[in-house]
Amino acid sequence: MFEFDDNTPSNWQEYETLFQKLKKSKEMKKRIPDFYFSSGNNGMPWGIWDPKYQPVGIIKVKNE
C-alpha cells in the first residue's frame, strides 16, 4: 500500500512489547482525543480506553 523500500527501518519485531506498553499507559489514557468520545464507530468506542491496535497517527476528516 505505501510501497516502502525493502531497507526501510522497522520496529515490527517489537510490536507486542510496544502494544503492551501502550495499553498500560496512564498518560495516553488521560489524553485520549475528544473525537473518540463522539462515536462508537472508531478504535476507542465512546472514549473507553481499551486499545485493540496500535495507532498510526492518521485521521481522515470528511468535509461536506
N, C-alpha and C. Protein backbone atom coordinates (compact mmCIF):
# COMPACT_ATOMS: atom_id res chain seq x y z
N MET A 1 0.82 -1.18 0.00
CA MET A 1 0.00 0.00 0.00
C MET A 1 0.87 1.26 0.00
N PHE A 2 1.87 1.32 0.89
CA PHE A 2 2.71 2.50 0.99
C PHE A 2 3.97 2.40 0.14
N GLU A 3 4.26 1.20 -0.35
CA GLU A 3 5.40 0.96 -1.22
C GLU A 3 6.73 1.40 -0.61
N PHE A 4 7.00 0.96 0.62
CA PHE A 4 8.27 1.24 1.27
C PHE A 4 9.38 0.41 0.64
N ASP A 5 10.56 0.97 0.63
CA ASP A 5 11.75 0.26 0.18
C ASP A 5 12.04 -0.89 1.13
N ASP A 6 12.63 -1.97 0.64
CA ASP A 6 12.95 -3.13 1.48
C ASP A 6 13.91 -2.80 2.62
N ASN A 7 14.69 -1.74 2.48
CA ASN A 7 15.66 -1.35 3.50
C ASN A 7 15.11 -0.35 4.52
N THR A 8 13.83 -0.06 4.45
CA THR A 8 13.22 0.89 5.38
C THR A 8 13.27 0.31 6.80
N PRO A 9 13.78 1.09 7.77
CA PRO A 9 13.84 0.61 9.16
C PRO A 9 12.45 0.29 9.69
N SER A 10 12.38 -0.70 10.56
CA SER A 10 11.10 -1.13 11.12
C SER A 10 11.27 -1.56 12.56
N ASN A 11 10.23 -1.36 13.35
CA ASN A 11 10.23 -1.87 14.72
C ASN A 11 9.14 -2.96 14.87
N TRP A 12 8.76 -3.56 13.75
CA TRP A 12 7.71 -4.57 13.75
C TRP A 12 8.01 -5.71 14.73
N GLN A 13 9.26 -6.10 14.87
CA GLN A 13 9.62 -7.19 15.78
C GLN A 13 9.33 -6.83 17.24
N GLU A 14 9.13 -5.55 17.54
CA GLU A 14 8.82 -5.10 18.90
C GLU A 14 7.33 -4.81 19.09
N TYR A 15 6.52 -5.17 18.11
CA TYR A 15 5.10 -4.82 18.12
C TYR A 15 4.42 -5.18 19.44
N GLU A 16 4.52 -6.41 19.87
CA GLU A 16 3.80 -6.87 21.07
C GLU A 16 4.26 -6.12 22.32
N THR A 17 5.56 -5.92 22.47
CA THR A 17 6.08 -5.19 23.63
C THR A 17 5.56 -3.75 23.63
N LEU A 18 5.62 -3.10 22.48
CA LEU A 18 5.14 -1.72 22.38
C LEU A 18 3.64 -1.63 22.60
N PHE A 19 2.91 -2.62 22.11
CA PHE A 19 1.45 -2.63 22.29
C PHE A 19 1.08 -2.78 23.76
N GLN A 20 1.78 -3.63 24.48
CA GLN A 20 1.51 -3.79 25.91
C GLN A 20 1.81 -2.49 26.67
N LYS A 21 2.87 -1.80 26.29
CA LYS A 21 3.19 -0.51 26.92
C LYS A 21 2.09 0.51 26.63
N LEU A 22 1.60 0.51 25.41
CA LEU A 22 0.50 1.41 25.04
C LEU A 22 -0.72 1.14 25.91
N LYS A 23 -1.11 -0.12 26.04
CA LYS A 23 -2.29 -0.48 26.82
C LYS A 23 -2.18 -0.05 28.28
N LYS A 24 -0.96 -0.08 28.83
CA LYS A 24 -0.75 0.26 30.24
C LYS A 24 -0.48 1.74 30.46
N SER A 25 -0.39 2.51 29.41
CA SER A 25 0.00 3.92 29.51
C SER A 25 -1.10 4.78 30.15
N LYS A 26 -0.85 5.28 31.33
CA LYS A 26 -1.80 6.17 32.00
C LYS A 26 -1.87 7.51 31.29
N GLU A 27 -0.75 7.96 30.77
CA GLU A 27 -0.71 9.25 30.07
C GLU A 27 -1.53 9.21 28.79
N MET A 28 -1.41 8.13 28.03
CA MET A 28 -2.20 8.00 26.80
C MET A 28 -3.69 7.93 27.13
N LYS A 29 -4.04 7.20 28.16
CA LYS A 29 -5.44 7.10 28.57
C LYS A 29 -5.99 8.47 28.96
N LYS A 30 -5.18 9.24 29.66
CA LYS A 30 -5.59 10.56 30.12
C LYS A 30 -5.78 11.53 28.95
N ARG A 31 -5.02 11.34 27.89
CA ARG A 31 -5.02 12.29 26.78
C ARG A 31 -5.74 11.78 25.53
N ILE A 32 -6.66 10.86 25.69
CA ILE A 32 -7.40 10.34 24.54
C ILE A 32 -8.13 11.50 23.83
N PRO A 33 -7.97 11.63 22.53
CA PRO A 33 -8.58 12.75 21.80
C PRO A 33 -10.10 12.77 21.91
N ASP A 34 -10.65 13.98 21.91
CA ASP A 34 -12.10 14.18 22.07
C ASP A 34 -12.93 13.44 21.03
N PHE A 35 -12.43 13.33 19.80
CA PHE A 35 -13.25 12.72 18.75
C PHE A 35 -13.61 11.27 19.05
N TYR A 36 -12.85 10.59 19.91
CA TYR A 36 -13.19 9.22 20.27
C TYR A 36 -14.45 9.14 21.13
N PHE A 37 -14.79 10.21 21.82
CA PHE A 37 -15.95 10.21 22.71
C PHE A 37 -17.26 10.45 21.97
N SER A 38 -17.20 10.81 20.70
CA SER A 38 -18.40 11.20 19.97
C SER A 38 -19.05 10.05 19.21
N SER A 39 -18.45 8.87 19.23
CA SER A 39 -18.99 7.78 18.42
C SER A 39 -18.55 6.42 18.97
N GLY A 40 -19.31 5.42 18.61
CA GLY A 40 -18.93 4.06 18.94
C GLY A 40 -18.28 3.37 17.75
N ASN A 41 -18.13 4.11 16.65
CA ASN A 41 -17.61 3.55 15.41
C ASN A 41 -16.18 4.03 15.16
N ASN A 42 -15.28 3.68 16.08
CA ASN A 42 -13.88 4.05 15.93
C ASN A 42 -13.03 3.07 16.75
N GLY A 43 -11.75 3.29 16.82
CA GLY A 43 -10.84 2.38 17.52
C GLY A 43 -10.92 2.42 19.02
N MET A 44 -11.62 3.41 19.57
CA MET A 44 -11.77 3.55 21.02
C MET A 44 -13.23 3.97 21.28
N PRO A 45 -14.19 3.06 21.02
CA PRO A 45 -15.60 3.41 21.07
C PRO A 45 -16.01 4.14 22.34
N TRP A 46 -16.66 5.29 22.13
CA TRP A 46 -17.18 6.14 23.21
C TRP A 46 -16.11 6.57 24.20
N GLY A 47 -14.85 6.56 23.78
CA GLY A 47 -13.76 7.04 24.62
C GLY A 47 -13.33 6.08 25.71
N ILE A 48 -13.75 4.84 25.64
CA ILE A 48 -13.35 3.84 26.63
C ILE A 48 -11.96 3.32 26.27
N TRP A 49 -11.01 3.47 27.19
CA TRP A 49 -9.62 3.09 26.93
C TRP A 49 -9.47 1.57 26.91
N ASP A 50 -9.42 1.01 25.74
CA ASP A 50 -9.22 -0.42 25.55
C ASP A 50 -8.65 -0.64 24.15
N PRO A 51 -7.38 -0.24 23.94
CA PRO A 51 -6.79 -0.32 22.60
C PRO A 51 -6.84 -1.74 22.02
N LYS A 52 -7.23 -1.82 20.77
CA LYS A 52 -7.28 -3.10 20.05
C LYS A 52 -6.17 -3.18 19.01
N TYR A 53 -5.54 -2.06 18.73
CA TYR A 53 -4.46 -1.99 17.75
C TYR A 53 -3.61 -0.77 18.06
N GLN A 54 -2.44 -0.70 17.47
CA GLN A 54 -1.58 0.47 17.65
C GLN A 54 -1.98 1.54 16.64
N PRO A 55 -2.14 2.77 17.11
CA PRO A 55 -2.47 3.85 16.18
C PRO A 55 -1.29 4.17 15.27
N VAL A 56 -1.59 4.67 14.10
CA VAL A 56 -0.53 5.04 13.17
C VAL A 56 -0.46 6.55 12.96
N GLY A 57 -1.31 7.30 13.63
CA GLY A 57 -1.25 8.75 13.54
C GLY A 57 -1.88 9.35 12.31
N ILE A 58 -2.83 8.65 11.71
CA ILE A 58 -3.50 9.16 10.52
C ILE A 58 -4.99 9.24 10.81
N ILE A 59 -5.58 10.38 10.50
CA ILE A 59 -7.03 10.54 10.63
C ILE A 59 -7.54 11.19 9.35
N LYS A 60 -8.64 10.69 8.86
CA LYS A 60 -9.25 11.26 7.66
C LYS A 60 -10.53 11.95 8.08
N VAL A 61 -10.63 13.23 7.77
CA VAL A 61 -11.81 14.00 8.11
C VAL A 61 -12.54 14.32 6.82
N LYS A 62 -13.81 14.00 6.80
CA LYS A 62 -14.62 14.23 5.61
C LYS A 62 -15.34 15.57 5.77
N ASN A 63 -15.04 16.52 4.91
CA ASN A 63 -15.72 17.82 4.92
C ASN A 63 -16.87 17.78 3.93
N GLU A 64 -17.98 18.34 4.35
CA GLU A 64 -19.14 18.35 3.45
C GLU A 64 -19.28 19.68 2.76
